[in-house]
Amino acid sequence: MASDRVAKIRELIDSAGSTYVSVNFIKKDGSLRQMTFNPADHNDIVGTGSEAAAKVDENIFRIRDNTKQAWRSFDARRVISMKVKGKVTEFNND
């Protein structure tokens, strides 16, 4: 069963439709990262030569970073905030 945080993030992404979503999160190394993505973008990255590993952790979201035009992932447990359709949702990171 998905945690409340995972469910909320999925809800926000689903509500975006094909509009851009911005997510701010803390990387494993402790640094802050911001990524922008379009949830409707399911294009493959040409030339990678490998497929993504099967999703094993419900906390990991795999998205296509609009800036880098590359597949990236973020951990729901490390999300600080998300912006969808101009509305910012902040997450408590206790």
N, C-alpha and C. Protein backbone atom coordinates (compact mmCIF):
# COMPACT_ATOMS: atom_id res chain seq x y z
N MET A 1 0.85 -1.19 0.00
CA MET A 1 0.00 0.00 0.00
C MET A 1 0.88 1.24 0.00
N ALA A 2 0.55 2.19 -0.82
CA ALA A 2 1.34 3.42 -0.93
C ALA A 2 1.14 4.29 0.30
N SER A 3 2.22 4.94 0.69
CA SER A 3 2.13 5.87 1.81
C SER A 3 1.30 7.07 1.40
N ASP A 4 0.90 7.88 2.38
CA ASP A 4 0.14 9.09 2.09
C ASP A 4 0.93 10.03 1.20
N ARG A 5 2.23 10.13 1.43
CA ARG A 5 3.09 11.02 0.64
C ARG A 5 3.14 10.56 -0.81
N VAL A 6 3.35 9.27 -1.03
CA VAL A 6 3.40 8.73 -2.39
C VAL A 6 2.06 8.96 -3.08
N ALA A 7 0.97 8.72 -2.37
CA ALA A 7 -0.36 8.92 -2.95
C ALA A 7 -0.58 10.38 -3.31
N LYS A 8 -0.15 11.30 -2.46
CA LYS A 8 -0.31 12.73 -2.73
C LYS A 8 0.52 13.15 -3.95
N ILE A 9 1.75 12.65 -4.05
CA ILE A 9 2.59 12.98 -5.20
C ILE A 9 1.98 12.44 -6.48
N ARG A 10 1.48 11.22 -6.45
CA ARG A 10 0.81 10.64 -7.63
C ARG A 10 -0.40 11.48 -8.02
N GLU A 11 -1.17 11.90 -7.02
CA GLU A 11 -2.36 12.73 -7.26
C GLU A 11 -1.97 14.05 -7.94
N LEU A 12 -0.91 14.69 -7.44
CA LEU A 12 -0.45 15.95 -8.03
C LEU A 12 0.01 15.75 -9.47
N ILE A 13 0.77 14.71 -9.71
CA ILE A 13 1.26 14.44 -11.06
C ILE A 13 0.09 14.14 -11.99
N ASP A 14 -0.85 13.34 -11.54
CA ASP A 14 -2.02 13.02 -12.36
C ASP A 14 -2.84 14.28 -12.67
N SER A 15 -2.95 15.19 -11.70
CA SER A 15 -3.75 16.40 -11.89
C SER A 15 -3.11 17.36 -12.89
N ALA A 16 -1.81 17.20 -13.12
CA ALA A 16 -1.10 18.08 -14.05
C ALA A 16 -1.48 17.81 -15.49
N GLY A 17 -1.91 16.61 -15.79
CA GLY A 17 -2.23 16.26 -17.17
C GLY A 17 -0.99 16.36 -18.03
N SER A 18 -1.01 17.29 -18.99
CA SER A 18 0.17 17.46 -19.85
C SER A 18 0.87 18.79 -19.58
N THR A 19 0.59 19.40 -18.42
CA THR A 19 1.29 20.64 -18.04
C THR A 19 2.53 20.28 -17.22
N TYR A 20 3.47 21.20 -17.21
CA TYR A 20 4.74 20.93 -16.52
C TYR A 20 4.58 20.89 -15.01
N VAL A 21 5.39 20.04 -14.41
CA VAL A 21 5.46 19.88 -12.96
C VAL A 21 6.89 20.19 -12.55
N SER A 22 7.03 20.94 -11.47
CA SER A 22 8.35 21.23 -10.91
C SER A 22 8.44 20.54 -9.56
N VAL A 23 9.53 19.84 -9.34
CA VAL A 23 9.72 19.15 -8.07
C VAL A 23 11.07 19.55 -7.47
N ASN A 24 11.06 19.87 -6.19
CA ASN A 24 12.28 20.17 -5.44
C ASN A 24 12.47 19.06 -4.42
N PHE A 25 13.68 18.51 -4.39
CA PHE A 25 13.93 17.40 -3.47
C PHE A 25 15.39 17.39 -3.05
N ILE A 26 15.68 16.60 -2.05
CA ILE A 26 17.04 16.45 -1.55
C ILE A 26 17.62 15.17 -2.11
N LYS A 27 18.75 15.29 -2.78
CA LYS A 27 19.42 14.13 -3.35
C LYS A 27 20.05 13.30 -2.23
N LYS A 28 20.46 12.08 -2.55
CA LYS A 28 21.11 11.21 -1.57
C LYS A 28 22.32 11.84 -0.93
N ASP A 29 23.05 12.67 -1.71
CA ASP A 29 24.26 13.30 -1.18
C ASP A 29 23.95 14.53 -0.32
N GLY A 30 22.66 14.86 -0.15
CA GLY A 30 22.25 15.98 0.69
C GLY A 30 22.07 17.29 -0.05
N SER A 31 22.40 17.33 -1.32
CA SER A 31 22.24 18.57 -2.08
C SER A 31 20.80 18.70 -2.58
N LEU A 32 20.42 19.93 -2.86
CA LEU A 32 19.08 20.23 -3.34
C LEU A 32 19.04 20.14 -4.86
N ARG A 33 17.98 19.58 -5.40
CA ARG A 33 17.81 19.50 -6.85
C ARG A 33 16.39 19.92 -7.20
N GLN A 34 16.28 20.60 -8.33
CA GLN A 34 14.99 20.98 -8.89
C GLN A 34 14.91 20.38 -10.28
N MET A 35 13.79 19.75 -10.59
CA MET A 35 13.58 19.20 -11.92
C MET A 35 12.19 19.61 -12.40
N THR A 36 12.08 19.80 -13.70
CA THR A 36 10.81 20.11 -14.33
C THR A 36 10.52 19.00 -15.34
N PHE A 37 9.28 18.54 -15.34
CA PHE A 37 8.92 17.47 -16.25
C PHE A 37 7.46 17.57 -16.66
N ASN A 38 7.15 16.95 -17.78
CA ASN A 38 5.79 16.86 -18.28
C ASN A 38 5.34 15.41 -18.08
N PRO A 39 4.35 15.19 -17.24
CA PRO A 39 3.91 13.80 -16.97
C PRO A 39 3.43 13.06 -18.21
N ALA A 40 3.02 13.79 -19.23
CA ALA A 40 2.53 13.15 -20.45
C ALA A 40 3.66 12.77 -21.40
N ASP A 41 4.89 13.14 -21.08
CA ASP A 41 6.04 12.84 -21.94
C ASP A 41 6.54 11.43 -21.64
N HIS A 42 6.33 10.55 -22.59
CA HIS A 42 6.76 9.16 -22.42
C HIS A 42 7.74 8.76 -23.51
N ASN A 43 8.38 9.75 -24.14
CA ASN A 43 9.33 9.48 -25.21
C ASN A 43 10.54 8.73 -24.70
N ASP A 44 11.09 7.91 -25.56
CA ASP A 44 12.33 7.21 -25.24
C ASP A 44 13.50 8.14 -25.51
N ILE A 45 14.57 7.93 -24.80
CA ILE A 45 15.80 8.66 -25.06
C ILE A 45 16.57 7.86 -26.10
N VAL A 46 16.84 8.43 -27.24
CA VAL A 46 17.54 7.75 -28.32
C VAL A 46 19.00 7.54 -27.94
N GLY A 47 19.49 6.32 -28.19
CA GLY A 47 20.91 6.06 -28.01
C GLY A 47 21.35 5.59 -26.64
N THR A 48 20.42 5.34 -25.73
CA THR A 48 20.84 4.89 -24.40
C THR A 48 21.27 3.43 -24.43
N GLY A 49 20.62 2.62 -25.28
CA GLY A 49 21.01 1.23 -25.43
C GLY A 49 20.58 0.31 -24.31
N SER A 50 19.83 0.83 -23.31
CA SER A 50 19.38 -0.05 -22.24
C SER A 50 18.00 0.37 -21.77
N GLU A 51 17.28 -0.60 -21.24
CA GLU A 51 15.96 -0.33 -20.70
C GLU A 51 16.08 -0.11 -19.21
N ALA A 52 15.11 0.59 -18.66
CA ALA A 52 15.10 0.85 -17.21
C ALA A 52 14.85 -0.44 -16.45
N ALA A 53 15.45 -0.54 -15.30
CA ALA A 53 15.20 -1.69 -14.43
C ALA A 53 13.75 -1.65 -13.96
N ALA A 54 13.24 -2.79 -13.61
CA ALA A 54 11.86 -2.86 -13.13
C ALA A 54 11.72 -2.02 -11.86
N LYS A 55 10.56 -1.40 -11.74
CA LYS A 55 10.30 -0.56 -10.57
C LYS A 55 10.10 -1.47 -9.36
N VAL A 56 10.94 -1.30 -8.35
CA VAL A 56 10.85 -2.15 -7.17
C VAL A 56 10.47 -1.38 -5.92
N ASP A 57 10.59 -0.06 -5.93
CA ASP A 57 10.31 0.75 -4.75
C ASP A 57 9.23 1.76 -5.11
N GLU A 58 8.09 1.68 -4.44
CA GLU A 58 6.97 2.58 -4.74
C GLU A 58 7.30 4.04 -4.45
N ASN A 59 8.36 4.31 -3.68
CA ASN A 59 8.76 5.67 -3.36
C ASN A 59 9.54 6.35 -4.47
N ILE A 60 9.98 5.59 -5.46
CA ILE A 60 10.80 6.13 -6.53
C ILE A 60 9.92 6.47 -7.73
N PHE A 61 10.00 7.72 -8.16
CA PHE A 61 9.28 8.19 -9.33
C PHE A 61 10.27 8.41 -10.46
N ARG A 62 10.01 7.81 -11.60
CA ARG A 62 10.89 7.92 -12.77
C ARG A 62 10.24 8.88 -13.75
N ILE A 63 10.94 9.96 -14.08
CA ILE A 63 10.40 11.00 -14.94
C ILE A 63 11.44 11.38 -15.99
N ARG A 64 11.00 12.10 -17.00
CA ARG A 64 11.92 12.58 -18.03
C ARG A 64 12.16 14.07 -17.78
N ASP A 65 13.33 14.40 -17.31
CA ASP A 65 13.72 15.77 -16.98
C ASP A 65 13.67 16.63 -18.23
N ASN A 66 12.84 17.66 -18.20
CA ASN A 66 12.67 18.53 -19.35
C ASN A 66 13.95 19.27 -19.72
N THR A 67 14.70 19.70 -18.73
CA THR A 67 15.92 20.48 -18.97
C THR A 67 17.01 19.63 -19.61
N LYS A 68 17.23 18.45 -19.08
CA LYS A 68 18.31 17.57 -19.55
C LYS A 68 17.87 16.63 -20.66
N GLN A 69 16.55 16.52 -20.90
CA GLN A 69 16.01 15.58 -21.87
C GLN A 69 16.55 14.17 -21.59
N ALA A 70 16.51 13.81 -20.32
CA ALA A 70 17.01 12.50 -19.90
C ALA A 70 16.11 11.96 -18.80
N TRP A 71 16.07 10.65 -18.70
CA TRP A 71 15.30 10.02 -17.63
C TRP A 71 16.02 10.21 -16.31
N ARG A 72 15.27 10.63 -15.31
CA ARG A 72 15.78 10.84 -13.96
C ARG A 72 14.77 10.23 -12.99
N SER A 73 15.16 10.17 -11.74
CA SER A 73 14.22 9.68 -10.73
C SER A 73 14.37 10.51 -9.47
N PHE A 74 13.32 10.49 -8.66
CA PHE A 74 13.37 11.13 -7.35
C PHE A 74 12.63 10.25 -6.36
N ASP A 75 13.03 10.39 -5.11
CA ASP A 75 12.47 9.60 -4.02
C ASP A 75 11.40 10.44 -3.32
N ALA A 76 10.19 9.92 -3.24
CA ALA A 76 9.07 10.64 -2.62
C ALA A 76 9.40 11.07 -1.19
N ARG A 77 10.19 10.27 -0.49
CA ARG A 77 10.53 10.58 0.90
C ARG A 77 11.43 11.80 1.03
N ARG A 78 12.02 12.25 -0.08
CA ARG A 78 12.95 13.37 -0.06
C ARG A 78 12.38 14.63 -0.73
N VAL A 79 11.12 14.58 -1.16
CA VAL A 79 10.51 15.72 -1.83
C VAL A 79 10.24 16.84 -0.82
N ILE A 80 10.63 18.05 -1.19
CA ILE A 80 10.40 19.24 -0.37
C ILE A 80 9.13 19.94 -0.82
N SER A 81 9.00 20.11 -2.14
CA SER A 81 7.81 20.78 -2.68
C SER A 81 7.61 20.40 -4.14
N MET A 82 6.36 20.60 -4.57
CA MET A 82 6.01 20.39 -5.98
C MET A 82 5.13 21.55 -6.41
N LYS A 83 5.31 21.98 -7.65
CA LYS A 83 4.49 23.04 -8.22
C LYS A 83 3.76 22.49 -9.43
N VAL A 84 2.43 22.55 -9.36
CA VAL A 84 1.58 22.04 -10.42
C VAL A 84 0.53 23.11 -10.74
N LYS A 85 0.47 23.54 -12.00
CA LYS A 85 -0.49 24.55 -12.44
C LYS A 85 -0.45 25.80 -11.56
N GLY A 86 0.74 26.22 -11.17
CA GLY A 86 0.93 27.44 -10.40
C GLY A 86 0.75 27.29 -8.90
N LYS A 87 0.30 26.14 -8.45
CA LYS A 87 0.07 25.91 -7.02
C LYS A 87 1.22 25.09 -6.44
N VAL A 88 1.81 25.61 -5.37
CA VAL A 88 2.93 24.94 -4.70
C VAL A 88 2.39 24.12 -3.52
N THR A 89 2.80 22.87 -3.47
CA THR A 89 2.47 22.00 -2.35
C THR A 89 3.78 21.67 -1.65
N GLU A 90 3.84 21.97 -0.35
CA GLU A 90 5.05 21.69 0.42
C GLU A 90 4.86 20.43 1.24
N PHE A 91 5.96 19.72 1.43
CA PHE A 91 5.95 18.47 2.19
C PHE A 91 6.81 18.60 3.42
N ASN A 92 6.33 18.04 4.50
CA ASN A 92 7.06 18.04 5.76
C ASN A 92 8.13 16.95 5.71
N ASN A 93 9.37 17.33 5.96
CA ASN A 93 10.49 16.38 5.90
C ASN A 93 11.10 16.17 7.28
N ASP A 94 10.30 15.72 8.22
CA ASP A 94 10.82 15.47 9.58
C ASP A 94 11.70 14.26 9.62
